[in-house]
């Protein structure tokens, strides 16, 4: 359902952008407890899908590059392949996105 995809797509994109920051030239911050509460209040179900993962990443040390853990590892460990759209260059993960995800993935 396109409406559901649009409702959750920006949350999916932030999660992937954060996971990929060690491979790029930018640094993002995970949401803190106050921000997580705001997201859950305004997007019911957010915490169960995104917040728990962010807490796991934080516990594994993702905010400190010397920890040896980068969030991309979490996607690989949990069998969630990340793809990059060939036209927009936007990353997406059909197996973890919260939207309806009717995407067609062509692997080459």
PDB file of N, CA and C in Angstrom:
ATOM      1  N   UNK A   1       0.842  -1.173   0.000  1.00  0.00           N
ATOM      2  CA  UNK A   1       0.000   0.000   0.000  1.00  0.00           C
ATOM      3  C   UNK A   1       0.895   1.247   0.000  1.00  0.00           C
ATOM      4  N   UNK A   2       0.735   2.073  -0.993  1.00  0.00           N
ATOM      5  CA  UNK A   2       1.587   3.258  -1.155  1.00  0.00           C
ATOM      6  C   UNK A   2       1.454   4.221   0.018  1.00  0.00           C
ATOM      7  N   UNK A   3       0.271   4.315   0.605  1.00  0.00           N
ATOM      8  CA  UNK A   3       0.071   5.219   1.738  1.00  0.00           C
ATOM      9  C   UNK A   3       0.908   4.775   2.940  1.00  0.00           C
ATOM     10  N   UNK A   4       0.938   3.470   3.181  1.00  0.00           N
ATOM     11  CA  UNK A   4       1.739   2.937   4.285  1.00  0.00           C
ATOM     12  C   UNK A   4       3.225   3.125   3.995  1.00  0.00           C
ATOM     13  N   UNK A   5       3.642   2.891   2.757  1.00  0.00           N
ATOM     14  CA  UNK A   5       5.043   3.105   2.382  1.00  0.00           C
ATOM     15  C   UNK A   5       5.454   4.547   2.644  1.00  0.00           C
ATOM     16  N   UNK A   6       4.614   5.499   2.250  1.00  0.00           N
ATOM     17  CA  UNK A   6       4.934   6.915   2.426  1.00  0.00           C
ATOM     18  C   UNK A   6       5.003   7.284   3.906  1.00  0.00           C
ATOM     19  N   UNK A   7       4.166   6.667   4.726  1.00  0.00           N
ATOM     20  CA  UNK A   7       4.126   6.962   6.155  1.00  0.00           C
ATOM     21  C   UNK A   7       5.416   6.548   6.855  1.00  0.00           C
ATOM     22  N   UNK A   8       6.000   5.413   6.442  1.00  0.00           N
ATOM     23  CA  UNK A   8       7.176   4.866   7.122  1.00  0.00           C
ATOM     24  C   UNK A   8       8.485   5.056   6.366  1.00  0.00           C
ATOM     25  N   UNK A   9       8.460   5.447   5.117  1.00  0.00           N
ATOM     26  CA  UNK A   9       9.669   5.463   4.280  1.00  0.00           C
ATOM     27  C   UNK A   9      10.799   6.300   4.859  1.00  0.00           C
ATOM     28  N   UNK A  10      10.493   7.461   5.426  1.00  0.00           N
ATOM     29  CA  UNK A  10      11.571   8.305   5.949  1.00  0.00           C
ATOM     30  C   UNK A  10      12.243   7.674   7.166  1.00  0.00           C
ATOM     31  N   UNK A  11      11.522   6.859   7.931  1.00  0.00           N
ATOM     32  CA  UNK A  11      12.135   6.152   9.056  1.00  0.00           C
ATOM     33  C   UNK A  11      13.058   5.049   8.542  1.00  0.00           C
ATOM     34  N   UNK A  12      12.608   4.339   7.505  1.00  0.00           N
ATOM     35  CA  UNK A  12      13.458   3.309   6.890  1.00  0.00           C
ATOM     36  C   UNK A  12      14.739   3.937   6.348  1.00  0.00           C
ATOM     37  N   UNK A  13      14.600   5.062   5.676  1.00  0.00           N
ATOM     38  CA  UNK A  13      15.753   5.720   5.066  1.00  0.00           C
ATOM     39  C   UNK A  13      16.743   6.210   6.119  1.00  0.00           C
ATOM     40  N   UNK A  14      16.255   6.770   7.222  1.00  0.00           N
ATOM     41  CA  UNK A  14      17.183   7.211   8.268  1.00  0.00           C
ATOM     42  C   UNK A  14      17.952   6.029   8.836  1.00  0.00           C
ATOM     43  N   UNK A  15      17.250   4.915   9.072  1.00  0.00           N
ATOM     44  CA  UNK A  15      17.922   3.741   9.629  1.00  0.00           C
ATOM     45  C   UNK A  15      19.058   3.291   8.711  1.00  0.00           C
ATOM     46  N   UNK A  16      18.793   3.259   7.416  1.00  0.00           N
ATOM     47  CA  UNK A  16      19.829   2.853   6.464  1.00  0.00           C
ATOM     48  C   UNK A  16      20.943   3.892   6.371  1.00  0.00           C
ATOM     49  N   UNK A  17      20.589   5.163   6.397  1.00  0.00           N
ATOM     50  CA  UNK A  17      21.613   6.215   6.340  1.00  0.00           C
ATOM     51  C   UNK A  17      22.524   6.123   7.557  1.00  0.00           C
ATOM     52  N   UNK A  18      21.939   5.884   8.728  1.00  0.00           N
ATOM     53  CA  UNK A  18      22.770   5.752   9.925  1.00  0.00           C
ATOM     54  C   UNK A  18      23.663   4.519   9.815  1.00  0.00           C
ATOM     55  N   UNK A  19      23.104   3.426   9.343  1.00  0.00           N
ATOM     56  CA  UNK A  19      23.885   2.191   9.225  1.00  0.00           C
ATOM     57  C   UNK A  19      25.058   2.351   8.275  1.00  0.00           C
ATOM     58  N   UNK A  20      24.903   3.221   7.294  1.00  0.00           N
ATOM     59  CA  UNK A  20      25.936   3.365   6.271  1.00  0.00           C
ATOM     60  C   UNK A  20      26.907   4.511   6.533  1.00  0.00           C
ATOM     61  N   UNK A  21      26.735   5.272   7.629  1.00  0.00           N
ATOM     62  CA  UNK A  21      27.596   6.445   7.808  1.00  0.00           C
ATOM     63  C   UNK A  21      29.085   6.121   7.810  1.00  0.00           C
ATOM     64  N   UNK A  22      29.521   4.969   8.326  1.00  0.00           N
ATOM     65  CA  UNK A  22      30.972   4.729   8.286  1.00  0.00           C
ATOM     66  C   UNK A  22      31.528   4.599   6.863  1.00  0.00           C
ATOM     67  N   UNK A  23      30.656   4.376   5.895  1.00  0.00           N
ATOM     68  CA  UNK A  23      31.129   4.221   4.513  1.00  0.00           C
ATOM     69  C   UNK A  23      31.056   5.521   3.731  1.00  0.00           C
ATOM     70  N   UNK A  24      30.524   6.564   4.340  1.00  0.00           N
ATOM     71  CA  UNK A  24      30.349   7.837   3.637  1.00  0.00           C
ATOM     72  C   UNK A  24      31.148   8.951   4.276  1.00  0.00           C
ATOM     73  N   UNK A  25      30.733  10.143   3.999  1.00  0.00           N
ATOM     74  CA  UNK A  25      31.455  11.309   4.489  1.00  0.00           C
ATOM     75  C   UNK A  25      30.572  12.158   5.387  1.00  0.00           C
ATOM     76  N   UNK A  26      29.757  11.514   6.210  1.00  0.00           N
ATOM     77  CA  UNK A  26      28.855  12.239   7.098  1.00  0.00           C
ATOM     78  C   UNK A  26      28.683  11.426   8.369  1.00  0.00           C
ATOM     79  N   UNK A  27      28.213  12.059   9.407  1.00  0.00           N
ATOM     80  CA  UNK A  27      27.988  11.362  10.667  1.00  0.00           C
ATOM     81  C   UNK A  27      26.615  11.750  11.189  1.00  0.00           C
ATOM     82  N   UNK A  28      25.832  10.766  11.552  1.00  0.00           N
ATOM     83  CA  UNK A  28      24.499  10.991  12.112  1.00  0.00           C
ATOM     84  C   UNK A  28      24.495  10.558  13.574  1.00  0.00           C
ATOM     85  N   UNK A  29      23.508  10.995  14.320  1.00  0.00           N
ATOM     86  CA  UNK A  29      23.361  10.591  15.719  1.00  0.00           C
ATOM     87  C   UNK A  29      22.090   9.763  15.866  1.00  0.00           C
ATOM     88  N   UNK A  30      22.165   8.734  16.705  1.00  0.00           N
ATOM     89  CA  UNK A  30      20.971   7.957  17.010  1.00  0.00           C
ATOM     90  C   UNK A  30      20.013   8.809  17.833  1.00  0.00           C
ATOM     91  N   UNK A  31      18.718   8.541  17.725  1.00  0.00           N
ATOM     92  CA  UNK A  31      17.770   9.280  18.561  1.00  0.00           C
ATOM     93  C   UNK A  31      17.996   8.949  20.040  1.00  0.00           C
ATOM     94  N   UNK A  32      17.899   9.967  20.896  1.00  0.00           N
ATOM     95  CA  UNK A  32      18.034   9.731  22.333  1.00  0.00           C
ATOM     96  C   UNK A  32      16.673   9.298  22.896  1.00  0.00           C
ATOM     97  N   UNK A  33      16.609   9.077  24.211  1.00  0.00           N
ATOM     98  CA  UNK A  33      15.379   8.572  24.837  1.00  0.00           C
ATOM     99  C   UNK A  33      14.198   9.518  24.625  1.00  0.00           C
ATOM    100  N   UNK A  34      14.442  10.816  24.733  1.00  0.00           N
ATOM    101  CA  UNK A  34      13.364  11.793  24.544  1.00  0.00           C
ATOM    102  C   UNK A  34      12.852  11.771  23.100  1.00  0.00           C
ATOM    103  N   UNK A  35      13.761  11.698  22.154  1.00  0.00           N
ATOM    104  CA  UNK A  35      13.356  11.641  20.743  1.00  0.00           C
ATOM    105  C   UNK A  35      12.623  10.343  20.439  1.00  0.00           C
ATOM    106  N   UNK A  36      13.081   9.228  21.025  1.00  0.00           N
ATOM    107  CA  UNK A  36      12.394   7.953  20.808  1.00  0.00           C
ATOM    108  C   UNK A  36      10.970   8.005  21.348  1.00  0.00           C
ATOM    109  N   UNK A  37      10.781   8.620  22.503  1.00  0.00           N
ATOM    110  CA  UNK A  37       9.432   8.750  23.069  1.00  0.00           C
ATOM    111  C   UNK A  37       8.550   9.584  22.145  1.00  0.00           C
ATOM    112  N   UNK A  38       9.112  10.650  21.572  1.00  0.00           N
ATOM    113  CA  UNK A  38       8.354  11.487  20.650  1.00  0.00           C
ATOM    114  C   UNK A  38       7.949  10.693  19.407  1.00  0.00           C
ATOM    115  N   UNK A  39       8.895   9.934  18.852  1.00  0.00           N
ATOM    116  CA  UNK A  39       8.573   9.135  17.667  1.00  0.00           C
ATOM    117  C   UNK A  39       7.473   8.130  17.974  1.00  0.00           C
ATOM    118  N   UNK A  40       7.567   7.446  19.112  1.00  0.00           N
ATOM    119  CA  UNK A  40       6.553   6.452  19.456  1.00  0.00           C
ATOM    120  C   UNK A  40       5.191   7.104  19.655  1.00  0.00           C
ATOM    121  N   UNK A  41       5.175   8.286  20.238  1.00  0.00           N
ATOM    122  CA  UNK A  41       3.906   8.990  20.455  1.00  0.00           C
ATOM    123  C   UNK A  41       3.282   9.418  19.129  1.00  0.00           C
ATOM    124  N   UNK A  42       4.102   9.856  18.203  1.00  0.00           N
ATOM    125  CA  UNK A  42       3.600  10.368  16.929  1.00  0.00           C
ATOM    126  C   UNK A  42       3.503   9.315  15.831  1.00  0.00           C
ATOM    127  N   UNK A  43       4.216   8.216  15.987  1.00  0.00           N
ATOM    128  CA  UNK A  43       4.191   7.107  15.029  1.00  0.00           C
ATOM    129  C   UNK A  43       4.037   5.810  15.821  1.00  0.00           C
ATOM    130  N   UNK A  44       2.826   5.503  16.283  1.00  0.00           N
ATOM    131  CA  UNK A  44       2.634   4.291  17.091  1.00  0.00           C
ATOM    132  C   UNK A  44       3.199   3.050  16.387  1.00  0.00           C
ATOM    133  N   UNK A  45       3.963   2.276  17.131  1.00  0.00           N
ATOM    134  CA  UNK A  45       4.621   1.100  16.570  1.00  0.00           C
ATOM    135  C   UNK A  45       6.061   1.362  16.177  1.00  0.00           C
ATOM    136  N   UNK A  46       6.477   2.626  16.236  1.00  0.00           N
ATOM    137  CA  UNK A  46       7.838   3.000  15.848  1.00  0.00           C
ATOM    138  C   UNK A  46       8.869   2.288  16.707  1.00  0.00           C
ATOM    139  N   UNK A  47       8.665   2.296  18.018  1.00  0.00           N
ATOM    140  CA  UNK A  47       9.673   1.731  18.916  1.00  0.00           C
ATOM    141  C   UNK A  47       9.897   0.243  18.653  1.00  0.00           C
ATOM    142  N   UNK A  48       8.828  -0.511  18.489  1.00  0.00           N
ATOM    143  CA  UNK A  48       8.974  -1.953  18.279  1.00  0.00           C
ATOM    144  C   UNK A  48       9.739  -2.281  17.006  1.00  0.00           C
ATOM    145  N   UNK A  49       9.636  -1.417  16.012  1.00  0.00           N
ATOM    146  CA  UNK A  49      10.311  -1.699  14.742  1.00  0.00           C
ATOM    147  C   UNK A  49      11.684  -1.044  14.642  1.00  0.00           C
ATOM    148  N   UNK A  50      11.811   0.186  15.094  1.00  0.00           N
ATOM    149  CA  UNK A  50      13.066   0.935  14.945  1.00  0.00           C
ATOM    150  C   UNK A  50      13.802   1.136  16.272  1.00  0.00           C
ATOM    151  N   UNK A  51      13.086   1.566  17.296  1.00  0.00           N
ATOM    152  CA  UNK A  51      13.713   1.910  18.570  1.00  0.00           C
ATOM    153  C   UNK A  51      14.503   0.775  19.190  1.00  0.00           C
ATOM    154  N   UNK A  52      13.957  -0.430  19.160  1.00  0.00           N
ATOM    155  CA  UNK A  52      14.664  -1.578  19.732  1.00  0.00           C
ATOM    156  C   UNK A  52      15.979  -1.831  19.004  1.00  0.00           C
ATOM    157  N   UNK A  53      15.965  -1.652  17.698  1.00  0.00           N
ATOM    158  CA  UNK A  53      17.191  -1.853  16.911  1.00  0.00           C
ATOM    159  C   UNK A  53      18.216  -0.785  17.265  1.00  0.00           C
ATOM    160  N   UNK A  54      17.778   0.473  17.366  1.00  0.00           N
ATOM    161  CA  UNK A  54      18.709   1.545  17.732  1.00  0.00           C
ATOM    162  C   UNK A  54      19.322   1.289  19.105  1.00  0.00           C
ATOM    163  N   UNK A  55      18.531   0.799  20.055  1.00  0.00           N
ATOM    164  CA  UNK A  55      19.072   0.494  21.380  1.00  0.00           C
ATOM    165  C   UNK A  55      20.086  -0.641  21.311  1.00  0.00           C
ATOM    166  N   UNK A  56      19.814  -1.645  20.477  1.00  0.00           N
ATOM    167  CA  UNK A  56      20.782  -2.738  20.305  1.00  0.00           C
ATOM    168  C   UNK A  56      22.078  -2.208  19.702  1.00  0.00           C
ATOM    169  N   UNK A  57      21.959  -1.367  18.677  1.00  0.00           N
ATOM    170  CA  UNK A  57      23.157  -0.796  18.054  1.00  0.00           C
ATOM    171  C   UNK A  57      23.958   0.005  19.067  1.00  0.00           C
ATOM    172  N   UNK A  58      23.271   0.819  19.864  1.00  0.00           N
ATOM    173  CA  UNK A  58      23.953   1.641  20.872  1.00  0.00           C
ATOM    174  C   UNK A  58      24.672   0.738  21.878  1.00  0.00           C
ATOM    175  N   UNK A  59      23.998  -0.328  22.335  1.00  0.00           N
ATOM    176  CA  UNK A  59      24.599  -1.258  23.296  1.00  0.00           C
ATOM    177  C   UNK A  59      25.826  -1.963  22.714  1.00  0.00           C
ATOM    178  N   UNK A  60      25.833  -2.169  21.408  1.00  0.00           N
ATOM    179  CA  UNK A  60      26.968  -2.835  20.758  1.00  0.00           C
ATOM    180  C   UNK A  60      28.097  -1.864  20.424  1.00  0.00           C
ATOM    181  N   UNK A  61      27.888  -0.584  20.692  1.00  0.00           N
ATOM    182  CA  UNK A  61      28.963   0.384  20.540  1.00  0.00           C
ATOM    183  C   UNK A  61      29.027   1.119  19.228  1.00  0.00           C
ATOM    184  N   UNK A  62      27.940   1.190  18.494  1.00  0.00           N
ATOM    185  CA  UNK A  62      27.993   1.800  17.162  1.00  0.00           C
ATOM    186  C   UNK A  62      28.347   3.277  17.174  1.00  0.00           C
ATOM    187  N   UNK A  63      28.165   3.954  18.298  1.00  0.00           N
ATOM    188  CA  UNK A  63      28.479   5.382  18.342  1.00  0.00           C
ATOM    189  C   UNK A  63      29.979   5.643  18.478  1.00  0.00           C
ATOM    190  N   UNK A  64      30.736   4.598  18.772  1.00  0.00           N
ATOM    191  CA  UNK A  64      32.188   4.712  18.905  1.00  0.00           C
ATOM    192  C   UNK A  64      32.843   3.871  17.811  1.00  0.00           C
ATOM    193  N   UNK A  65      33.408   4.508  16.799  1.00  0.00           N
ATOM    194  CA  UNK A  65      34.010   3.750  15.698  1.00  0.00           C
ATOM    195  C   UNK A  65      35.066   2.735  16.143  1.00  0.00           C
ATOM    196  N   UNK A  66      35.711   2.975  17.285  1.00  0.00           N
ATOM    197  CA  UNK A  66      36.740   2.032  17.739  1.00  0.00           C
ATOM    198  C   UNK A  66      36.145   0.755  18.339  1.00  0.00           C
ATOM    199  N   UNK A  67      34.813   0.682  18.479  1.00  0.00           N
ATOM    200  CA  UNK A  67      34.177  -0.513  19.046  1.00  0.00           C
ATOM    201  C   UNK A  67      34.269  -1.710  18.106  1.00  0.00           C
ATOM    202  N   UNK A  68      34.444  -1.434  16.820  1.00  0.00           N
ATOM    203  CA  UNK A  68      34.503  -2.526  15.853  1.00  0.00           C
ATOM    204  C   UNK A  68      33.144  -2.926  15.304  1.00  0.00           C
ATOM    205  N   UNK A  69      32.076  -2.320  15.804  1.00  0.00           N
ATOM    206  CA  UNK A  69      30.735  -2.644  15.307  1.00  0.00           C
ATOM    207  C   UNK A  69      30.210  -1.491  14.471  1.00  0.00           C
ATOM    208  N   UNK A  70      29.760  -1.817  13.279  1.00  0.00           N
ATOM    209  CA  UNK A  70      29.042  -0.839  12.470  1.00  0.00           C
ATOM    210  C   UNK A  70      27.667  -1.436  12.171  1.00  0.00           C
ATOM    211  N   UNK A  71      26.635  -0.606  12.136  1.00  0.00           N
ATOM    212  CA  UNK A  71      25.277  -1.115  11.959  1.00  0.00           C
ATOM    213  C   UNK A  71      25.056  -1.931  10.687  1.00  0.00           C
ATOM    214  N   UNK A  72      25.878  -1.724   9.676  1.00  0.00           N
ATOM    215  CA  UNK A  72      25.739  -2.564   8.479  1.00  0.00           C
ATOM    216  C   UNK A  72      25.885  -4.039   8.832  1.00  0.00           C
ATOM    217  N   UNK A  73      26.693  -4.327   9.849  1.00  0.00           N
ATOM    218  CA  UNK A  73      26.878  -5.711  10.290  1.00  0.00           C
ATOM    219  C   UNK A  73      25.559  -6.298  10.782  1.00  0.00           C
ATOM    220  N   UNK A  74      24.747  -5.484  11.467  1.00  0.00           N
ATOM    221  CA  UNK A  74      23.466  -5.955  11.987  1.00  0.00           C
ATOM    222  C   UNK A  74      22.564  -6.412  10.847  1.00  0.00           C
ATOM    223  N   UNK A  75      22.518  -5.626   9.766  1.00  0.00           N
ATOM    224  CA  UNK A  75      21.694  -6.015   8.617  1.00  0.00           C
ATOM    225  C   UNK A  75      22.168  -7.349   8.046  1.00  0.00           C
ATOM    226  N   UNK A  76      23.477  -7.529   7.926  1.00  0.00           N
ATOM    227  CA  UNK A  76      24.022  -8.784   7.393  1.00  0.00           C
ATOM    228  C   UNK A  76      23.728  -9.949   8.339  1.00  0.00           C
ATOM    229  N   UNK A  77      23.931  -9.753   9.639  1.00  0.00           N
ATOM    230  CA  UNK A  77      23.691 -10.810  10.629  1.00  0.00           C
ATOM    231  C   UNK A  77      22.233 -11.253  10.665  1.00  0.00           C
ATOM    232  N   UNK A  78      21.328 -10.355  10.333  1.00  0.00           N
ATOM    233  CA  UNK A  78      19.897 -10.649  10.397  1.00  0.00           C
ATOM    234  C   UNK A  78      19.276 -10.897   9.020  1.00  0.00           C
ATOM    235  N   UNK A  79      20.125 -11.158   8.043  1.00  0.00           N
ATOM    236  CA  UNK A  79      19.678 -11.494   6.682  1.00  0.00           C
ATOM    237  C   UNK A  79      18.766 -10.435   6.066  1.00  0.00           C
ATOM    238  N   UNK A  80      19.182  -9.184   6.179  1.00  0.00           N
ATOM    239  CA  UNK A  80      18.459  -8.071   5.569  1.00  0.00           C
ATOM    240  C   UNK A  80      19.394  -7.388   4.572  1.00  0.00           C
ATOM    241  N   UNK A  81      19.426  -7.863   3.323  1.00  0.00           N
ATOM    242  CA  UNK A  81      20.324  -7.234   2.341  1.00  0.00           C
ATOM    243  C   UNK A  81      19.908  -5.801   2.028  1.00  0.00           C
ATOM    244  N   UNK A  82      20.899  -4.954   1.844  1.00  0.00           N
ATOM    245  CA  UNK A  82      20.673  -3.557   1.489  1.00  0.00           C
ATOM    246  C   UNK A  82      20.993  -3.385   0.018  1.00  0.00           C
ATOM    247  N   UNK A  83      20.106  -2.719  -0.683  1.00  0.00           N
ATOM    248  CA  UNK A  83      20.285  -2.433  -2.103  1.00  0.00           C
ATOM    249  C   UNK A  83      20.367  -0.921  -2.284  1.00  0.00           C
ATOM    250  N   UNK A  84      20.916  -0.497  -3.387  1.00  0.00           N
ATOM    251  CA  UNK A  84      20.966   0.920  -3.722  1.00  0.00           C
ATOM    252  C   UNK A  84      20.280   1.086  -5.069  1.00  0.00           C
ATOM    253  N   UNK A  85      19.266   1.954  -5.094  1.00  0.00           N
ATOM    254  CA  UNK A  85      18.533   2.209  -6.329  1.00  0.00           C
ATOM    255  C   UNK A  85      19.484   2.770  -7.385  1.00  0.00           C
ATOM    256  N   UNK A  86      19.432   2.208  -8.576  1.00  0.00           N
ATOM    257  CA  UNK A  86      20.364   2.623  -9.633  1.00  0.00           C
ATOM    258  C   UNK A  86      20.084   4.020 -10.159  1.00  0.00           C
ATOM    259  N   UNK A  87      18.880   4.510 -10.022  1.00  0.00           N
ATOM    260  CA  UNK A  87      18.545   5.837 -10.528  1.00  0.00           C
ATOM    261  C   UNK A  87      18.766   6.908  -9.457  1.00  0.00           C
ATOM    262  N   UNK A  88      18.146   6.735  -8.299  1.00  0.00           N
ATOM    263  CA  UNK A  88      18.213   7.770  -7.258  1.00  0.00           C
ATOM    264  C   UNK A  88      19.418   7.628  -6.335  1.00  0.00           C
ATOM    265  N   UNK A  89      20.053   6.454  -6.345  1.00  0.00           N
ATOM    266  CA  UNK A  89      21.164   6.145  -5.445  1.00  0.00           C
ATOM    267  C   UNK A  89      20.732   6.127  -3.978  1.00  0.00           C
ATOM    268  N   UNK A  90      19.453   5.912  -3.729  1.00  0.00           N
ATOM    269  CA  UNK A  90      18.922   5.839  -2.372  1.00  0.00           C
ATOM    270  C   UNK A  90      18.951   4.376  -1.921  1.00  0.00           C
ATOM    271  N   UNK A  91      19.496   4.106  -0.727  1.00  0.00           N
ATOM    272  CA  UNK A  91      19.515   2.725  -0.238  1.00  0.00           C
ATOM    273  C   UNK A  91      18.126   2.285   0.219  1.00  0.00           C
ATOM    274  N   UNK A  92      17.863   0.987   0.111  1.00  0.00           N
ATOM    275  CA  UNK A  92      16.605   0.442   0.614  1.00  0.00           C
ATOM    276  C   UNK A  92      16.824  -1.003   1.025  1.00  0.00           C
ATOM    277  N   UNK A  93      15.972  -1.471   1.901  1.00  0.00           N
ATOM    278  CA  UNK A  93      16.072  -2.829   2.430  1.00  0.00           C
ATOM    279  C   UNK A  93      14.669  -3.429   2.448  1.00  0.00           C
ATOM    280  N   UNK A  94      14.276  -4.089   1.368  1.00  0.00           N
ATOM    281  CA  UNK A  94      12.900  -4.594   1.280  1.00  0.00           C
ATOM    282  C   UNK A  94      12.524  -5.584   2.374  1.00  0.00           C
ATOM    283  N   UNK A  95      13.484  -6.327   2.910  1.00  0.00           N
ATOM    284  CA  UNK A  95      13.137  -7.329   3.914  1.00  0.00           C
ATOM    285  C   UNK A  95      12.927  -6.736   5.303  1.00  0.00           C
ATOM    286  N   UNK A  96      13.334  -5.478   5.522  1.00  0.00           N
ATOM    287  CA  UNK A  96      13.136  -4.882   6.844  1.00  0.00           C
ATOM    288  C   UNK A  96      12.240  -3.654   6.833  1.00  0.00           C
ATOM    289  N   UNK A  97      11.966  -3.095   5.670  1.00  0.00           N
ATOM    290  CA  UNK A  97      11.176  -1.863   5.657  1.00  0.00           C
ATOM    291  C   UNK A  97       9.787  -2.120   6.241  1.00  0.00           C
ATOM    292  N   UNK A  98       9.241  -1.097   6.868  1.00  0.00           N
ATOM    293  CA  UNK A  98       7.950  -1.236   7.548  1.00  0.00           C
ATOM    294  C   UNK A  98       6.773  -1.028   6.602  1.00  0.00           C
ATOM    295  N   UNK A  99       7.013  -0.436   5.458  1.00  0.00           N
ATOM    296  CA  UNK A  99       5.944  -0.220   4.496  1.00  0.00           C
ATOM    297  C   UNK A  99       5.514  -1.520   3.838  1.00  0.00           C
ATOM    298  N   UNK A 100       4.606  -1.420   2.899  1.00  0.00           N
ATOM    299  CA  UNK A 100       4.081  -2.602   2.220  1.00  0.00           C
ATOM    300  C   UNK A 100       5.137  -3.271   1.352  1.00  0.00           C
ATOM    301  N   UNK A 101       6.083  -2.499   0.866  1.00  0.00           N
ATOM    302  CA  UNK A 101       7.226  -2.996   0.109  1.00  0.00           C
ATOM    303  C   UNK A 101       6.850  -3.904  -1.056  1.00  0.00           C
ATOM    304  N   UNK A 102       6.316  -3.309  -2.083  1.00  0.00           N
ATOM    305  CA  UNK A 102       6.007  -4.058  -3.295  1.00  0.00           C
ATOM    306  C   UNK A 102       7.103  -3.830  -4.338  1.00  0.00           C
ATOM    307  N   UNK A 103       8.324  -3.596  -3.864  1.00  0.00           N
ATOM    308  CA  UNK A 103       9.441  -3.325  -4.764  1.00  0.00           C
ATOM    309  C   UNK A 103       9.862  -4.569  -5.525  1.00  0.00           C
ATOM    310  N   UNK A 104      10.329  -4.354  -6.726  1.00  0.00           N
ATOM    311  CA  UNK A 104      10.938  -5.442  -7.488  1.00  0.00           C
ATOM    312  C   UNK A 104      12.442  -5.213  -7.455  1.00  0.00           C
ATOM    313  N   UNK A 105      13.181  -6.186  -6.991  1.00  0.00           N
ATOM    314  CA  UNK A 105      14.632  -6.060  -6.884  1.00  0.00           C
ATOM    315  C   UNK A 105      15.274  -6.874  -7.992  1.00  0.00           C
ATOM    316  N   UNK A 106      16.123  -6.221  -8.762  1.00  0.00           N
ATOM    317  CA  UNK A 106      16.872  -6.897  -9.820  1.00  0.00           C
ATOM    318  C   UNK A 106      18.328  -6.943  -9.393  1.00  0.00           C
ATOM    319  N   UNK A 107      18.834  -8.116  -9.121  1.00  0.00           N
ATOM    320  CA  UNK A 107      20.232  -8.242  -8.708  1.00  0.00           C
ATOM    321  C   UNK A 107      21.079  -8.572  -9.920  1.00  0.00           C
ATOM    322  N   UNK A 108      22.209  -7.889 -10.008  1.00  0.00           N
ATOM    323  CA  UNK A 108      23.146  -8.155 -11.100  1.00  0.00           C
ATOM    324  C   UNK A 108      24.477  -8.528 -10.535  1.00  0.00           C
TER     325      UNK A 108
END
